[in-house]
């Protein structure tokens, strides 16, 4: 599976999210928990109207 490109809030959050993603991929954490990591670690992408 191809990896997505993410924008993180900080280098620390990138490390935390990548670790959580690995745990999710092996089934150690569920989708709900992964979404919580997404909300905590990733920046919000806002659409720009042209």
PDB file of N, CA and C in Angstrom:
ATOM      1  N   UNK A   1       0.847  -1.174   0.000  1.00  0.00           N
ATOM      2  CA  UNK A   1       0.000   0.000   0.000  1.00  0.00           C
ATOM      3  C   UNK A   1       0.894   1.239   0.000  1.00  0.00           C
ATOM      4  N   UNK A   2       0.540   2.215  -0.806  1.00  0.00           N
ATOM      5  CA  UNK A   2       1.303   3.464  -0.876  1.00  0.00           C
ATOM      6  C   UNK A   2       1.053   4.293   0.378  1.00  0.00           C
ATOM      7  N   UNK A   3       2.098   4.938   0.839  1.00  0.00           N
ATOM      8  CA  UNK A   3       1.976   5.802   2.021  1.00  0.00           C
ATOM      9  C   UNK A   3       1.466   7.167   1.602  1.00  0.00           C
ATOM     10  N   UNK A   4       0.661   7.759   2.470  1.00  0.00           N
ATOM     11  CA  UNK A   4       0.173   9.115   2.244  1.00  0.00           C
ATOM     12  C   UNK A   4       1.207  10.098   2.766  1.00  0.00           C
ATOM     13  N   UNK A   5       1.175  11.302   2.231  1.00  0.00           N
ATOM     14  CA  UNK A   5       2.040  12.366   2.720  1.00  0.00           C
ATOM     15  C   UNK A   5       1.246  13.212   3.698  1.00  0.00           C
ATOM     16  N   UNK A   6       1.807  13.409   4.890  1.00  0.00           N
ATOM     17  CA  UNK A   6       1.136  14.177   5.928  1.00  0.00           C
ATOM     18  C   UNK A   6       1.942  15.421   6.262  1.00  0.00           C
ATOM     19  N   UNK A   7       1.263  16.417   6.817  1.00  0.00           N
ATOM     20  CA  UNK A   7       1.923  17.595   7.360  1.00  0.00           C
ATOM     21  C   UNK A   7       1.666  17.577   8.861  1.00  0.00           C
ATOM     22  N   UNK A   8       2.757  17.575   9.615  1.00  0.00           N
ATOM     23  CA  UNK A   8       2.673  17.423  11.065  1.00  0.00           C
ATOM     24  C   UNK A   8       2.824  18.764  11.767  1.00  0.00           C
ATOM     25  N   UNK A   9       2.319  18.822  12.983  1.00  0.00           N
ATOM     26  CA  UNK A   9       2.421  20.030  13.798  1.00  0.00           C
ATOM     27  C   UNK A   9       3.857  20.286  14.237  1.00  0.00           C
ATOM     28  N   UNK A  10       4.657  19.229  14.377  1.00  0.00           N
ATOM     29  CA  UNK A  10       6.062  19.366  14.792  1.00  0.00           C
ATOM     30  C   UNK A  10       6.791  18.068  14.472  1.00  0.00           C
ATOM     31  N   UNK A  11       8.112  18.088  14.605  1.00  0.00           N
ATOM     32  CA  UNK A  11       8.898  16.875  14.402  1.00  0.00           C
ATOM     33  C   UNK A  11       8.527  15.804  15.426  1.00  0.00           C
ATOM     34  N   UNK A  12       8.281  16.213  16.657  1.00  0.00           N
ATOM     35  CA  UNK A  12       7.873  15.269  17.696  1.00  0.00           C
ATOM     36  C   UNK A  12       6.546  14.612  17.336  1.00  0.00           C
ATOM     37  N   UNK A  13       5.584  15.399  16.888  1.00  0.00           N
ATOM     38  CA  UNK A  13       4.284  14.854  16.499  1.00  0.00           C
ATOM     39  C   UNK A  13       4.421  13.911  15.307  1.00  0.00           C
ATOM     40  N   UNK A  14       5.355  14.176  14.411  1.00  0.00           N
ATOM     41  CA  UNK A  14       5.601  13.281  13.279  1.00  0.00           C
ATOM     42  C   UNK A  14       6.066  11.914  13.784  1.00  0.00           C
ATOM     43  N   UNK A  15       6.982  11.909  14.733  1.00  0.00           N
ATOM     44  CA  UNK A  15       7.490  10.659  15.286  1.00  0.00           C
ATOM     45  C   UNK A  15       6.393   9.880  15.992  1.00  0.00           C
ATOM     46  N   UNK A  16       5.595  10.581  16.779  1.00  0.00           N
ATOM     47  CA  UNK A  16       4.495   9.938  17.503  1.00  0.00           C
ATOM     48  C   UNK A  16       3.489   9.342  16.523  1.00  0.00           C
ATOM     49  N   UNK A  17       3.128  10.115  15.496  1.00  0.00           N
ATOM     50  CA  UNK A  17       2.131   9.653  14.529  1.00  0.00           C
ATOM     51  C   UNK A  17       2.645   8.460  13.732  1.00  0.00           C
ATOM     52  N   UNK A  18       3.900   8.501  13.323  1.00  0.00           N
ATOM     53  CA  UNK A  18       4.470   7.391  12.560  1.00  0.00           C
ATOM     54  C   UNK A  18       4.503   6.112  13.393  1.00  0.00           C
ATOM     55  N   UNK A  19       4.778   6.237  14.686  1.00  0.00           N
ATOM     56  CA  UNK A  19       4.745   5.075  15.575  1.00  0.00           C
ATOM     57  C   UNK A  19       3.322   4.537  15.714  1.00  0.00           C
ATOM     58  N   UNK A  20       2.369   5.437  15.875  1.00  0.00           N
ATOM     59  CA  UNK A  20       0.966   5.026  15.981  1.00  0.00           C
ATOM     60  C   UNK A  20       0.509   4.373  14.681  1.00  0.00           C
ATOM     61  N   UNK A  21       0.944   4.895  13.543  1.00  0.00           N
ATOM     62  CA  UNK A  21       0.578   4.322  12.244  1.00  0.00           C
ATOM     63  C   UNK A  21       1.101   2.887  12.132  1.00  0.00           C
ATOM     64  N   UNK A  22       2.312   2.654  12.595  1.00  0.00           N
ATOM     65  CA  UNK A  22       2.871   1.299  12.573  1.00  0.00           C
ATOM     66  C   UNK A  22       2.054   0.363  13.463  1.00  0.00           C
ATOM     67  N   UNK A  23       1.659   0.839  14.632  1.00  0.00           N
ATOM     68  CA  UNK A  23       0.820   0.037  15.531  1.00  0.00           C
ATOM     69  C   UNK A  23      -0.530  -0.266  14.892  1.00  0.00           C
ATOM     70  N   UNK A  24      -1.100   0.710  14.207  1.00  0.00           N
ATOM     71  CA  UNK A  24      -2.379   0.522  13.523  1.00  0.00           C
ATOM     72  C   UNK A  24      -2.250  -0.529  12.424  1.00  0.00           C
ATOM     73  N   UNK A  25      -1.178  -0.466  11.664  1.00  0.00           N
ATOM     74  CA  UNK A  25      -0.987  -1.396  10.553  1.00  0.00           C
ATOM     75  C   UNK A  25      -0.857  -2.848  11.015  1.00  0.00           C
ATOM     76  N   UNK A  26      -0.335  -3.081  12.214  1.00  0.00           N
ATOM     77  CA  UNK A  26      -0.233  -4.457  12.719  1.00  0.00           C
ATOM     78  C   UNK A  26      -1.429  -4.847  13.590  1.00  0.00           C
ATOM     79  N   UNK A  27      -2.382  -3.925  13.753  1.00  0.00           N
ATOM     80  CA  UNK A  27      -3.597  -4.236  14.491  1.00  0.00           C
ATOM     81  C   UNK A  27      -3.518  -4.025  15.986  1.00  0.00           C
ATOM     82  N   UNK A  28      -2.476  -3.332  16.451  1.00  0.00           N
ATOM     83  CA  UNK A  28      -2.322  -3.108  17.889  1.00  0.00           C
ATOM     84  C   UNK A  28      -3.213  -1.984  18.408  1.00  0.00           C
ATOM     85  N   UNK A  29      -3.619  -1.070  17.532  1.00  0.00           N
ATOM     86  CA  UNK A  29      -4.589  -0.036  17.915  1.00  0.00           C
ATOM     87  C   UNK A  29      -5.694  -0.014  16.865  1.00  0.00           C
ATOM     88  N   UNK A  30      -6.884   0.422  17.277  1.00  0.00           N
ATOM     89  CA  UNK A  30      -8.016   0.416  16.354  1.00  0.00           C
ATOM     90  C   UNK A  30      -8.134   1.737  15.588  1.00  0.00           C
ATOM     91  N   UNK A  31      -9.090   1.767  14.660  1.00  0.00           N
ATOM     92  CA  UNK A  31      -9.271   2.928  13.789  1.00  0.00           C
ATOM     93  C   UNK A  31      -9.641   4.181  14.579  1.00  0.00           C
ATOM     94  N   UNK A  32     -10.466   4.022  15.611  1.00  0.00           N
ATOM     95  CA  UNK A  32     -10.868   5.170  16.428  1.00  0.00           C
ATOM     96  C   UNK A  32      -9.648   5.802  17.106  1.00  0.00           C
ATOM     97  N   UNK A  33      -8.788   4.973  17.656  1.00  0.00           N
ATOM     98  CA  UNK A  33      -7.580   5.474  18.301  1.00  0.00           C
ATOM     99  C   UNK A  33      -6.664   6.144  17.283  1.00  0.00           C
ATOM    100  N   UNK A  34      -6.562   5.568  16.075  1.00  0.00           N
ATOM    101  CA  UNK A  34      -5.724   6.171  15.038  1.00  0.00           C
ATOM    102  C   UNK A  34      -6.257   7.537  14.646  1.00  0.00           C
ATOM    103  N   UNK A  35      -7.573   7.680  14.572  1.00  0.00           N
ATOM    104  CA  UNK A  35      -8.167   8.988  14.257  1.00  0.00           C
ATOM    105  C   UNK A  35      -7.815  10.018  15.327  1.00  0.00           C
ATOM    106  N   UNK A  36      -7.764   9.593  16.572  1.00  0.00           N
ATOM    107  CA  UNK A  36      -7.380  10.505  17.656  1.00  0.00           C
ATOM    108  C   UNK A  36      -5.926  10.957  17.498  1.00  0.00           C
ATOM    109  N   UNK A  37      -5.044  10.043  17.088  1.00  0.00           N
ATOM    110  CA  UNK A  37      -3.667  10.430  16.803  1.00  0.00           C
ATOM    111  C   UNK A  37      -3.620  11.394  15.617  1.00  0.00           C
ATOM    112  N   UNK A  38      -4.436  11.133  14.592  1.00  0.00           N
ATOM    113  CA  UNK A  38      -4.495  12.042  13.442  1.00  0.00           C
ATOM    114  C   UNK A  38      -4.858  13.455  13.893  1.00  0.00           C
ATOM    115  N   UNK A  39      -5.899  13.566  14.709  1.00  0.00           N
ATOM    116  CA  UNK A  39      -6.346  14.878  15.177  1.00  0.00           C
ATOM    117  C   UNK A  39      -5.279  15.577  16.018  1.00  0.00           C
ATOM    118  N   UNK A  40      -4.545  14.817  16.809  1.00  0.00           N
ATOM    119  CA  UNK A  40      -3.531  15.400  17.689  1.00  0.00           C
ATOM    120  C   UNK A  40      -2.261  15.803  16.956  1.00  0.00           C
ATOM    121  N   UNK A  41      -1.880  15.037  15.953  1.00  0.00           N
ATOM    122  CA  UNK A  41      -0.559  15.190  15.347  1.00  0.00           C
ATOM    123  C   UNK A  41      -0.532  15.928  14.011  1.00  0.00           C
ATOM    124  N   UNK A  42      -1.619  15.859  13.258  1.00  0.00           N
ATOM    125  CA  UNK A  42      -1.613  16.423  11.904  1.00  0.00           C
ATOM    126  C   UNK A  42      -2.138  17.848  11.884  1.00  0.00           C
ATOM    127  N   UNK A  43      -1.615  18.639  10.956  1.00  0.00           N
ATOM    128  CA  UNK A  43      -2.134  19.995  10.783  1.00  0.00           C
ATOM    129  C   UNK A  43      -3.431  19.939   9.987  1.00  0.00           C
ATOM    130  N   UNK A  44      -4.242  20.953  10.138  1.00  0.00           N
ATOM    131  CA  UNK A  44      -5.502  21.044   9.414  1.00  0.00           C
ATOM    132  C   UNK A  44      -5.227  21.671   8.052  1.00  0.00           C
ATOM    133  N   UNK A  45      -5.723  21.021   7.012  1.00  0.00           N
ATOM    134  CA  UNK A  45      -5.557  21.554   5.667  1.00  0.00           C
ATOM    135  C   UNK A  45      -6.797  22.374   5.330  1.00  0.00           C
ATOM    136  N   UNK A  46      -6.580  23.592   4.998  1.00  0.00           N
ATOM    137  CA  UNK A  46      -7.691  24.474   4.640  1.00  0.00           C
ATOM    138  C   UNK A  46      -7.665  24.723   3.146  1.00  0.00           C
ATOM    139  N   UNK A  47      -8.835  24.672   2.542  1.00  0.00           N
ATOM    140  CA  UNK A  47      -8.949  24.927   1.111  1.00  0.00           C
ATOM    141  C   UNK A  47      -8.927  26.419   0.844  1.00  0.00           C
ATOM    142  N   UNK A  48      -8.229  26.819  -0.185  1.00  0.00           N
ATOM    143  CA  UNK A  48      -8.157  28.226  -0.561  1.00  0.00           C
ATOM    144  C   UNK A  48      -9.059  28.445  -1.756  1.00  0.00           C
ATOM    145  N   UNK A  49      -9.971  29.372  -1.618  1.00  0.00           N
ATOM    146  CA  UNK A  49     -10.869  29.717  -2.730  1.00  0.00           C
ATOM    147  C   UNK A  49     -10.155  30.654  -3.681  1.00  0.00           C
ATOM    148  N   UNK A  50     -10.256  30.354  -4.954  1.00  0.00           N
ATOM    149  CA  UNK A  50      -9.570  31.237  -5.920  1.00  0.00           C
ATOM    150  C   UNK A  50     -10.554  32.079  -6.684  1.00  0.00           C
TER     151      UNK A  50
END
